[in-house]
Amino acid sequence: DWVFPLCGGAERLKRDGKKAHPTQKPEALLHRIL
């Protein structure tokens, strides 16, 4: 059971002030997997 927040802050890519992708995953999740 892994505890991470949703992708947000500076990591969340945006376009015109809105989320660029609705389901961008946090880098912390991929860091652990790889």
Full PDB file with SEQRES, HELIX, SHEET, SSBOND, CRYST1, ORIGX, SCALE, CONECT and MASTER records, all heavy atoms in Angstrom:
SEQRES   1 A   34  ASP TRP VAL PHE PRO LEU CYS GLY GLY ALA GLU ARG LEU          
SEQRES   2 A   34  LYS ARG ASP GLY LYS LYS ALA HIS PRO THR GLN LYS PRO          
SEQRES   3 A   34  GLU ALA LEU LEU HIS ARG ILE LEU                              
HELIX    1 AA1 GLY A    9  GLU A   11  5                                   3    
HELIX    2 AA2 GLU A   27  ILE A   33  1                                   7    
SHEET    1 AA1 2 LYS A  14  ARG A  15  0                                        
SHEET    2 AA1 2 LYS A  18  LYS A  19 -1                                        
CRYST1    1.000    1.000    1.000  90.00  90.00  90.00 P 1           1          
ORIGX1      1.000000  0.000000  0.000000        0.00000                         
ORIGX2      0.000000  1.000000  0.000000        0.00000                         
ORIGX3      0.000000  0.000000  1.000000        0.00000                         
SCALE1      1.000000  0.000000  0.000000        0.00000                         
SCALE2      0.000000  1.000000  0.000000        0.00000                         
SCALE3      0.000000  0.000000  1.000000        0.00000                         
ATOM      1  N   ASP A   1       0.864  -1.189   0.000  1.00  0.00           N  
ATOM      2  CA  ASP A   1       0.000   0.000   0.000  1.00  0.00           C  
ATOM      3  C   ASP A   1       0.889   1.224   0.000  1.00  0.00           C  
ATOM      4  O   ASP A   1       1.662   1.438   0.927  1.00  0.00           O  
ATOM      5  CB  ASP A   1      -0.966  -0.008   1.187  1.00  0.00           C  
ATOM      6  CG  ASP A   1      -0.268  -0.223   2.531  1.00  0.00           C  
ATOM      7  OD1 ASP A   1       0.852  -0.783   2.544  1.00  0.00           O  
ATOM      8  OD2 ASP A   1      -0.835   0.157   3.569  1.00  0.00           O  
ATOM      9  N   TRP A   2       0.804   1.993  -1.065  1.00  0.00           N  
ATOM     10  CA  TRP A   2       1.678   3.148  -1.264  1.00  0.00           C  
ATOM     11  C   TRP A   2       0.858   4.424  -1.104  1.00  0.00           C  
ATOM     12  O   TRP A   2      -0.244   4.540  -1.647  1.00  0.00           O  
ATOM     13  CB  TRP A   2       2.301   3.119  -2.650  1.00  0.00           C  
ATOM     14  CG  TRP A   2       3.192   1.928  -2.907  1.00  0.00           C  
ATOM     15  CD1 TRP A   2       3.560   0.950  -2.027  1.00  0.00           C  
ATOM     16  CD2 TRP A   2       3.818   1.607  -4.153  1.00  0.00           C  
ATOM     17  NE1 TRP A   2       4.376   0.038  -2.635  1.00  0.00           N  
ATOM     18  CE2 TRP A   2       4.563   0.414  -3.938  1.00  0.00           C  
ATOM     19  CE3 TRP A   2       3.839   2.196  -5.406  1.00  0.00           C  
ATOM     20  CZ2 TRP A   2       5.299  -0.197  -4.954  1.00  0.00           C  
ATOM     21  CZ3 TRP A   2       4.580   1.598  -6.420  1.00  0.00           C  
ATOM     22  CH2 TRP A   2       5.307   0.413  -6.190  1.00  0.00           C  
ATOM     23  N   VAL A   3       1.414   5.381  -0.397  1.00  0.00           N  
ATOM     24  CA  VAL A   3       0.710   6.632  -0.133  1.00  0.00           C  
ATOM     25  C   VAL A   3       1.413   7.774  -0.859  1.00  0.00           C  
ATOM     26  O   VAL A   3       2.560   8.092  -0.564  1.00  0.00           O  
ATOM     27  CB  VAL A   3       0.644   6.918   1.383  1.00  0.00           C  
ATOM     28  CG1 VAL A   3      -0.122   8.212   1.645  1.00  0.00           C  
ATOM     29  CG2 VAL A   3      -0.006   5.753   2.123  1.00  0.00           C  
ATOM     30  N   PHE A   4       0.726   8.359  -1.825  1.00  0.00           N  
ATOM     31  CA  PHE A   4       1.232   9.507  -2.571  1.00  0.00           C  
ATOM     32  C   PHE A   4       0.081  10.475  -2.817  1.00  0.00           C  
ATOM     33  O   PHE A   4      -1.072  10.053  -2.995  1.00  0.00           O  
ATOM     34  CB  PHE A   4       1.776   9.102  -3.953  1.00  0.00           C  
ATOM     35  CG  PHE A   4       2.970   8.210  -3.941  1.00  0.00           C  
ATOM     36  CD1 PHE A   4       2.878   6.897  -4.361  1.00  0.00           C  
ATOM     37  CD2 PHE A   4       4.208   8.689  -3.530  1.00  0.00           C  
ATOM     38  CE1 PHE A   4       3.983   6.068  -4.378  1.00  0.00           C  
ATOM     39  CE2 PHE A   4       5.323   7.866  -3.539  1.00  0.00           C  
ATOM     40  CZ  PHE A   4       5.213   6.555  -3.968  1.00  0.00           C  
ATOM     41  N   PRO A   5       0.356  11.768  -2.877  1.00  0.00           N  
ATOM     42  CA  PRO A   5      -0.685  12.708  -3.302  1.00  0.00           C  
ATOM     43  C   PRO A   5      -0.871  12.660  -4.813  1.00  0.00           C  
ATOM     44  O   PRO A   5       0.002  12.179  -5.539  1.00  0.00           O  
ATOM     45  CB  PRO A   5      -0.132  14.063  -2.862  1.00  0.00           C  
ATOM     46  CG  PRO A   5       1.351  13.884  -2.903  1.00  0.00           C  
ATOM     47  CD  PRO A   5       1.605  12.448  -2.509  1.00  0.00           C  
ATOM     48  N   LEU A   6      -1.994  13.156  -5.273  1.00  0.00           N  
ATOM     49  CA  LEU A   6      -2.192  13.342  -6.701  1.00  0.00           C  
ATOM     50  C   LEU A   6      -1.147  14.322  -7.230  1.00  0.00           C  
ATOM     51  O   LEU A   6      -0.597  15.134  -6.486  1.00  0.00           O  
ATOM     52  CB  LEU A   6      -3.594  13.890  -6.974  1.00  0.00           C  
ATOM     53  CG  LEU A   6      -4.767  12.939  -6.740  1.00  0.00           C  
ATOM     54  CD1 LEU A   6      -6.068  13.727  -6.735  1.00  0.00           C  
ATOM     55  CD2 LEU A   6      -4.797  11.866  -7.815  1.00  0.00           C  
ATOM     56  N   CYS A   7      -0.888  14.233  -8.504  1.00  0.00           N  
ATOM     57  CA  CYS A   7       0.080  15.144  -9.118  1.00  0.00           C  
ATOM     58  C   CYS A   7      -0.427  16.583  -8.993  1.00  0.00           C  
ATOM     59  O   CYS A   7      -1.575  16.885  -9.322  1.00  0.00           O  
ATOM     60  CB  CYS A   7       0.258  14.769 -10.589  1.00  0.00           C  
ATOM     61  SG  CYS A   7       1.467  15.782 -11.431  1.00  0.00           S  
ATOM     62  N   GLY A   8       0.444  17.449  -8.491  1.00  0.00           N  
ATOM     63  CA  GLY A   8       0.036  18.837  -8.313  1.00  0.00           C  
ATOM     64  C   GLY A   8       1.243  19.748  -8.234  1.00  0.00           C  
ATOM     65  O   GLY A   8       2.380  19.334  -8.460  1.00  0.00           O  
ATOM     66  N   GLY A   9       1.002  20.995  -7.898  1.00  0.00           N  
ATOM     67  CA  GLY A   9       2.082  21.956  -7.744  1.00  0.00           C  
ATOM     68  C   GLY A   9       2.845  22.190  -9.029  1.00  0.00           C  
ATOM     69  O   GLY A   9       2.295  22.116 -10.137  1.00  0.00           O  
ATOM     70  N   ALA A  10       4.149  22.420  -8.902  1.00  0.00           N  
ATOM     71  CA  ALA A  10       4.985  22.721 -10.063  1.00  0.00           C  
ATOM     72  C   ALA A  10       5.097  21.538 -11.010  1.00  0.00           C  
ATOM     73  O   ALA A  10       5.356  21.713 -12.202  1.00  0.00           O  
ATOM     74  CB  ALA A  10       6.382  23.148  -9.593  1.00  0.00           C  
ATOM     75  N   GLU A  11       4.888  20.335 -10.486  1.00  0.00           N  
ATOM     76  CA  GLU A  11       4.992  19.145 -11.329  1.00  0.00           C  
ATOM     77  C   GLU A  11       3.821  19.027 -12.308  1.00  0.00           C  
ATOM     78  O   GLU A  11       3.964  18.448 -13.381  1.00  0.00           O  
ATOM     79  CB  GLU A  11       5.046  17.895 -10.450  1.00  0.00           C  
ATOM     80  CG  GLU A  11       5.271  16.605 -11.211  1.00  0.00           C  
ATOM     81  CD  GLU A  11       5.246  15.383 -10.297  1.00  0.00           C  
ATOM     82  OE1 GLU A  11       5.717  15.504  -9.147  1.00  0.00           O  
ATOM     83  OE2 GLU A  11       4.755  14.332 -10.729  1.00  0.00           O  
ATOM     84  N   ARG A  12       2.666  19.548 -11.945  1.00  0.00           N  
ATOM     85  CA  ARG A  12       1.478  19.449 -12.795  1.00  0.00           C  
ATOM     86  C   ARG A  12       1.635  20.352 -14.014  1.00  0.00           C  
ATOM     87  O   ARG A  12       1.754  21.572 -13.900  1.00  0.00           O  
ATOM     88  CB  ARG A  12       0.240  19.833 -12.002  1.00  0.00           C  
ATOM     89  CG  ARG A  12      -1.008  20.051 -12.806  1.00  0.00           C  
ATOM     90  CD  ARG A  12      -1.509  18.787 -13.487  1.00  0.00           C  
ATOM     91  NE  ARG A  12      -2.235  17.920 -12.591  1.00  0.00           N  
ATOM     92  CZ  ARG A  12      -2.929  16.854 -12.976  1.00  0.00           C  
ATOM     93  NH1 ARG A  12      -2.980  16.545 -14.276  1.00  0.00           N  
ATOM     94  NH2 ARG A  12      -3.528  16.085 -12.108  1.00  0.00           N  
ATOM     95  N   LEU A  13       1.658  19.757 -15.198  1.00  0.00           N  
ATOM     96  CA  LEU A  13       1.782  20.533 -16.429  1.00  0.00           C  
ATOM     97  C   LEU A  13       0.460  21.216 -16.746  1.00  0.00           C  
ATOM     98  O   LEU A  13      -0.613  20.611 -16.619  1.00  0.00           O  
ATOM     99  CB  LEU A  13       2.188  19.613 -17.580  1.00  0.00           C  
ATOM    100  CG  LEU A  13       3.513  18.856 -17.425  1.00  0.00           C  
ATOM    101  CD1 LEU A  13       3.827  18.079 -18.681  1.00  0.00           C  
ATOM    102  CD2 LEU A  13       4.649  19.811 -17.088  1.00  0.00           C  
ATOM    103  N   LYS A  14       0.551  22.470 -17.181  1.00  0.00           N  
ATOM    104  CA  LYS A  14      -0.656  23.229 -17.477  1.00  0.00           C  
ATOM    105  C   LYS A  14      -0.558  23.882 -18.845  1.00  0.00           C  
ATOM    106  O   LYS A  14       0.526  24.155 -19.355  1.00  0.00           O  
ATOM    107  CB  LYS A  14      -0.891  24.292 -16.401  1.00  0.00           C  
ATOM    108  CG  LYS A  14      -1.219  23.705 -15.043  1.00  0.00           C  
ATOM    109  CD  LYS A  14      -1.591  24.763 -14.031  1.00  0.00           C  
ATOM    110  CE  LYS A  14      -1.966  24.141 -12.697  1.00  0.00           C  
ATOM    111  NZ  LYS A  14      -2.355  25.160 -11.706  1.00  0.00           N  
ATOM    112  N   ARG A  15      -1.715  24.117 -19.419  1.00  0.00           N  
ATOM    113  CA  ARG A  15      -1.827  24.819 -20.696  1.00  0.00           C  
ATOM    114  C   ARG A  15      -2.960  25.820 -20.562  1.00  0.00           C  
ATOM    115  O   ARG A  15      -4.093  25.444 -20.222  1.00  0.00           O  
ATOM    116  CB  ARG A  15      -2.095  23.825 -21.828  1.00  0.00           C  
ATOM    117  CG  ARG A  15      -2.258  24.488 -23.191  1.00  0.00           C  
ATOM    118  CD  ARG A  15      -2.641  23.471 -24.242  1.00  0.00           C  
ATOM    119  NE  ARG A  15      -1.502  22.628 -24.582  1.00  0.00           N  
ATOM    120  CZ  ARG A  15      -1.606  21.343 -24.897  1.00  0.00           C  
ATOM    121  NH1 ARG A  15      -2.771  20.754 -24.857  1.00  0.00           N  
ATOM    122  NH2 ARG A  15      -0.527  20.651 -25.227  1.00  0.00           N  
ATOM    123  N   ASP A  16      -2.659  27.084 -20.787  1.00  0.00           N  
ATOM    124  CA  ASP A  16      -3.645  28.161 -20.638  1.00  0.00           C  
ATOM    125  C   ASP A  16      -4.258  28.164 -19.240  1.00  0.00           C  
ATOM    126  O   ASP A  16      -5.469  28.397 -19.065  1.00  0.00           O  
ATOM    127  CB  ASP A  16      -4.752  28.029 -21.694  1.00  0.00           C  
ATOM    128  CG  ASP A  16      -4.217  28.132 -23.111  1.00  0.00           C  
ATOM    129  OD1 ASP A  16      -3.240  28.868 -23.305  1.00  0.00           O  
ATOM    130  OD2 ASP A  16      -4.771  27.462 -24.003  1.00  0.00           O  
ATOM    131  N   GLY A  17      -3.441  27.850 -18.237  1.00  0.00           N  
ATOM    132  CA  GLY A  17      -3.897  27.889 -16.854  1.00  0.00           C  
ATOM    133  C   GLY A  17      -4.669  26.668 -16.404  1.00  0.00           C  
ATOM    134  O   GLY A  17      -5.067  26.578 -15.235  1.00  0.00           O  
ATOM    135  N   LYS A  18      -4.900  25.705 -17.302  1.00  0.00           N  
ATOM    136  CA  LYS A  18      -5.647  24.501 -16.954  1.00  0.00           C  
ATOM    137  C   LYS A  18      -4.747  23.278 -17.056  1.00  0.00           C  
ATOM    138  O   LYS A  18      -3.712  23.306 -17.715  1.00  0.00           O  
ATOM    139  CB  LYS A  18      -6.856  24.339 -17.889  1.00  0.00           C  
ATOM    140  CG  LYS A  18      -7.856  25.470 -17.794  1.00  0.00           C  
ATOM    141  CD  LYS A  18      -9.038  25.230 -18.738  1.00  0.00           C  
ATOM    142  CE  LYS A  18     -10.055  26.358 -18.641  1.00  0.00           C  
ATOM    143  NZ  LYS A  18     -11.211  26.131 -19.568  1.00  0.00           N  
ATOM    144  N   LYS A  19      -5.152  22.203 -16.399  1.00  0.00           N  
ATOM    145  CA  LYS A  19      -4.379  20.970 -16.464  1.00  0.00           C  
ATOM    146  C   LYS A  19      -4.187  20.545 -17.911  1.00  0.00           C  
ATOM    147  O   LYS A  19      -5.158  20.441 -18.666  1.00  0.00           O  
ATOM    148  CB  LYS A  19      -5.087  19.852 -15.688  1.00  0.00           C  
ATOM    149  CG  LYS A  19      -5.122  20.044 -14.189  1.00  0.00           C  
ATOM    150  CD  LYS A  19      -5.700  18.833 -13.468  1.00  0.00           C  
ATOM    151  CE  LYS A  19      -7.160  18.618 -13.783  1.00  0.00           C  
ATOM    152  NZ  LYS A  19      -7.745  17.538 -12.939  1.00  0.00           N  
ATOM    153  N   ALA A  20      -2.937  20.278 -18.289  1.00  0.00           N  
ATOM    154  CA  ALA A  20      -2.663  19.880 -19.664  1.00  0.00           C  
ATOM    155  C   ALA A  20      -3.163  18.465 -19.937  1.00  0.00           C  
ATOM    156  O   ALA A  20      -3.556  18.148 -21.061  1.00  0.00           O  
ATOM    157  CB  ALA A  20      -1.161  19.957 -19.948  1.00  0.00           C  
ATOM    158  N   HIS A  21      -3.134  17.629 -18.925  1.00  0.00           N  
ATOM    159  CA  HIS A  21      -3.605  16.251 -19.059  1.00  0.00           C  
ATOM    160  C   HIS A  21      -4.419  15.907 -17.815  1.00  0.00           C  
ATOM    161  O   HIS A  21      -3.981  16.161 -16.694  1.00  0.00           O  
ATOM    162  CB  HIS A  21      -2.423  15.284 -19.198  1.00  0.00           C  
ATOM    163  CG  HIS A  21      -2.799  13.926 -19.677  1.00  0.00           C  
ATOM    164  ND1 HIS A  21      -3.542  13.043 -18.930  1.00  0.00           N  
ATOM    165  CD2 HIS A  21      -2.540  13.291 -20.851  1.00  0.00           C  
ATOM    166  CE1 HIS A  21      -3.725  11.929 -19.612  1.00  0.00           C  
ATOM    167  NE2 HIS A  21      -3.133  12.058 -20.780  1.00  0.00           N  
ATOM    168  N   PRO A  22      -5.595  15.343 -17.982  1.00  0.00           N  
ATOM    169  CA  PRO A  22      -6.467  15.138 -16.815  1.00  0.00           C  
ATOM    170  C   PRO A  22      -5.980  14.073 -15.846  1.00  0.00           C  
ATOM    171  O   PRO A  22      -6.402  14.063 -14.685  1.00  0.00           O  
ATOM    172  CB  PRO A  22      -7.799  14.719 -17.447  1.00  0.00           C  
ATOM    173  CG  PRO A  22      -7.434  14.122 -18.760  1.00  0.00           C  
ATOM    174  CD  PRO A  22      -6.253  14.917 -19.234  1.00  0.00           C  
ATOM    175  N   THR A  23      -5.107  13.165 -16.286  1.00  0.00           N  
ATOM    176  CA  THR A  23      -4.719  12.055 -15.414  1.00  0.00           C  
ATOM    177  C   THR A  23      -3.208  11.921 -15.289  1.00  0.00           C  
ATOM    178  O   THR A  23      -2.683  10.811 -15.195  1.00  0.00           O  
ATOM    179  CB  THR A  23      -5.328  10.732 -15.913  1.00  0.00           C  
ATOM    180  OG1 THR A  23      -4.763  10.423 -17.199  1.00  0.00           O  
ATOM    181  CG2 THR A  23      -6.831  10.812 -16.021  1.00  0.00           C  
ATOM    182  N   GLN A  24      -2.493  13.030 -15.289  1.00  0.00           N  
ATOM    183  CA  GLN A  24      -1.039  12.991 -15.133  1.00  0.00           C  
ATOM    184  C   GLN A  24      -0.680  12.326 -13.810  1.00  0.00           C  
ATOM    185  O   GLN A  24      -1.171  12.699 -12.750  1.00  0.00           O  
ATOM    186  CB  GLN A  24      -0.463  14.404 -15.183  1.00  0.00           C  
ATOM    187  CG  GLN A  24       1.056  14.463 -15.062  1.00  0.00           C  
ATOM    188  CD  GLN A  24       1.573  15.894 -15.079  1.00  0.00           C  
ATOM    189  OE1 GLN A  24       0.927  16.803 -15.607  1.00  0.00           O  
ATOM    190  NE2 GLN A  24       2.740  16.108 -14.490  1.00  0.00           N  
ATOM    191  N   LYS A  25       0.189  11.319 -13.859  1.00  0.00           N  
ATOM    192  CA  LYS A  25       0.577  10.583 -12.658  1.00  0.00           C  
ATOM    193  C   LYS A  25       1.759  11.272 -11.972  1.00  0.00           C  
ATOM    194  O   LYS A  25       2.604  11.883 -12.628  1.00  0.00           O  
ATOM    195  CB  LYS A  25       0.946   9.140 -13.001  1.00  0.00           C  
ATOM    196  CG  LYS A  25      -0.224   8.315 -13.526  1.00  0.00           C  
ATOM    197  CD  LYS A  25      -1.337   8.216 -12.498  1.00  0.00           C  
ATOM    198  CE  LYS A  25      -2.491   7.334 -12.959  1.00  0.00           C  
ATOM    199  NZ  LYS A  25      -3.323   7.972 -13.993  1.00  0.00           N  
ATOM    200  N   PRO A  26       1.848  11.179 -10.650  1.00  0.00           N  
ATOM    201  CA  PRO A  26       2.979  11.794  -9.942  1.00  0.00           C  
ATOM    202  C   PRO A  26       4.287  11.079 -10.257  1.00  0.00           C  
ATOM    203  O   PRO A  26       4.326   9.848 -10.372  1.00  0.00           O  
ATOM    204  CB  PRO A  26       2.598  11.621  -8.469  1.00  0.00           C  
ATOM    205  CG  PRO A  26       1.658  10.470  -8.435  1.00  0.00           C  
ATOM    206  CD  PRO A  26       0.899  10.522  -9.735  1.00  0.00           C  
ATOM    207  N   GLU A  27       5.353  11.831 -10.383  1.00  0.00           N  
ATOM    208  CA  GLU A  27       6.657  11.232 -10.676  1.00  0.00           C  
ATOM    209  C   GLU A  27       7.102  10.298  -9.551  1.00  0.00           C  
ATOM    210  O   GLU A  27       7.826   9.331  -9.790  1.00  0.00           O  
ATOM    211  CB  GLU A  27       7.697  12.326 -10.919  1.00  0.00           C  
ATOM    212  CG  GLU A  27       7.469  13.086 -12.216  1.00  0.00           C  
ATOM    213  CD  GLU A  27       8.633  13.999 -12.577  1.00  0.00           C  
ATOM    214  OE1 GLU A  27       9.672  13.956 -11.875  1.00  0.00           O  
ATOM    215  OE2 GLU A  27       8.505  14.752 -13.564  1.00  0.00           O  
ATOM    216  N   ALA A  28       6.668  10.567  -8.324  1.00  0.00           N  
ATOM    217  CA  ALA A  28       7.046   9.705  -7.200  1.00  0.00           C  
ATOM    218  C   ALA A  28       6.594   8.270  -7.430  1.00  0.00           C  
ATOM    219  O   ALA A  28       7.287   7.321  -7.066  1.00  0.00           O  
ATOM    220  CB  ALA A  28       6.445  10.240  -5.902  1.00  0.00           C  
ATOM    221  N   LEU A  29       5.431   8.102  -8.046  1.00  0.00           N  
ATOM    222  CA  LEU A  29       4.907   6.764  -8.313  1.00  0.00           C  
ATOM    223  C   LEU A  29       5.798   6.019  -9.296  1.00  0.00           C  
ATOM    224  O   LEU A  29       6.161   4.855  -9.079  1.00  0.00           O  
ATOM    225  CB  LEU A  29       3.485   6.870  -8.869  1.00  0.00           C  
ATOM    226  CG  LEU A  29       2.735   5.566  -9.107  1.00  0.00           C  
ATOM    227  CD1 LEU A  29       2.385   4.899  -7.785  1.00  0.00           C  
ATOM    228  CD2 LEU A  29       1.458   5.829  -9.912  1.00  0.00           C  
ATOM    229  N   LEU A  30       6.195   6.690 -10.368  1.00  0.00           N  
ATOM    230  CA  LEU A  30       7.062   6.046 -11.364  1.00  0.00           C  
ATOM    231  C   LEU A  30       8.471   5.854 -10.825  1.00  0.00           C  
ATOM    232  O   LEU A  30       9.139   4.863 -11.167  1.00  0.00           O  
ATOM    233  CB  LEU A  30       7.093   6.880 -12.652  1.00  0.00           C  
ATOM    234  CG  LEU A  30       6.018   6.568 -13.694  1.00  0.00           C  
ATOM    235  CD1 LEU A  30       6.164   5.122 -14.202  1.00  0.00           C  
ATOM    236  CD2 LEU A  30       4.618   6.774 -13.159  1.00  0.00           C  
ATOM    237  N   HIS A  31       8.935   6.749  -9.983  1.00  0.00           N  
ATOM    238  CA  HIS A  31      10.251   6.592  -9.367  1.00  0.00           C  
ATOM    239  C   HIS A  31      10.306   5.280  -8.599  1.00  0.00           C  
ATOM    240  O   HIS A  31      11.255   4.498  -8.733  1.00  0.00           O  
ATOM    241  CB  HIS A  31      10.535   7.764  -8.431  1.00  0.00           C  
ATOM    242  CG  HIS A  31      11.866   7.709  -7.755  1.00  0.00           C  
ATOM    243  ND1 HIS A  31      12.948   8.461  -8.160  1.00  0.00           N  
ATOM    244  CD2 HIS A  31      12.315   6.973  -6.689  1.00  0.00           C  
ATOM    245  CE1 HIS A  31      13.990   8.202  -7.390  1.00  0.00           C  
ATOM    246  NE2 HIS A  31      13.623   7.301  -6.481  1.00  0.00           N  
ATOM    247  N   ARG A  32       9.289   5.014  -7.811  1.00  0.00           N  
ATOM    248  CA  ARG A  32       9.283   3.779  -7.019  1.00  0.00           C  
ATOM    249  C   ARG A  32       9.199   2.548  -7.904  1.00  0.00           C  
ATOM    250  O   ARG A  32       9.891   1.553  -7.667  1.00  0.00           O  
ATOM    251  CB  ARG A  32       8.131   3.798  -6.009  1.00  0.00           C  
ATOM    252  CG  ARG A  32       8.153   2.605  -5.074  1.00  0.00           C  
ATOM    253  CD  ARG A  32       7.146   2.724  -3.946  1.00  0.00           C  
ATOM    254  NE  ARG A  32       7.468   3.837  -3.052  1.00  0.00           N  
ATOM    255  CZ  ARG A  32       6.757   4.142  -1.956  1.00  0.00           C  
ATOM    256  NH1 ARG A  32       5.691   3.413  -1.634  1.00  0.00           N  
ATOM    257  NH2 ARG A  32       7.108   5.152  -1.190  1.00  0.00           N  
ATOM    258  N   ILE A  33       8.374   2.593  -8.919  1.00  0.00           N  
ATOM    259  CA  ILE A  33       8.221   1.445  -9.809  1.00  0.00           C  
ATOM    260  C   ILE A  33       9.528   1.118 -10.528  1.00  0.00           C  
ATOM    261  O   ILE A  33       9.969  -0.035 -10.555  1.00  0.00           O  
ATOM    262  CB  ILE A  33       7.094   1.719 -10.824  1.00  0.00           C  
ATOM    263  CG1 ILE A  33       5.732   1.691 -10.116  1.00  0.00           C  
ATOM    264  CG2 ILE A  33       7.128   0.701 -11.965  1.00  0.00           C  
ATOM    265  CD1 ILE A  33       4.592   2.178 -10.982  1.00  0.00           C  
ATOM    266  N   LEU A  34      10.154   2.138 -11.121  1.00  0.00           N  
ATOM    267  CA  LEU A  34      11.383   1.891 -11.884  1.00  0.00           C  
ATOM    268  C   LEU A  34      12.540   1.514 -10.974  1.00  0.00           C  
ATOM    269  O   LEU A  34      13.382   0.690 -11.340  1.00  0.00           O  
ATOM    270  CB  LEU A  34      11.735   3.118 -12.727  1.00  0.00           C  
ATOM    271  CG  LEU A  34      10.703   3.514 -13.797  1.00  0.00           C  
ATOM    272  CD1 LEU A  34      11.287   4.584 -14.713  1.00  0.00           C  
ATOM    273  CD2 LEU A  34      10.242   2.323 -14.605  1.00  0.00           C  
TER     274      LEU A  34                                                      
MASTER        0    0    0    2    2    0    0    6  273    1    0    3          
END                                                                             
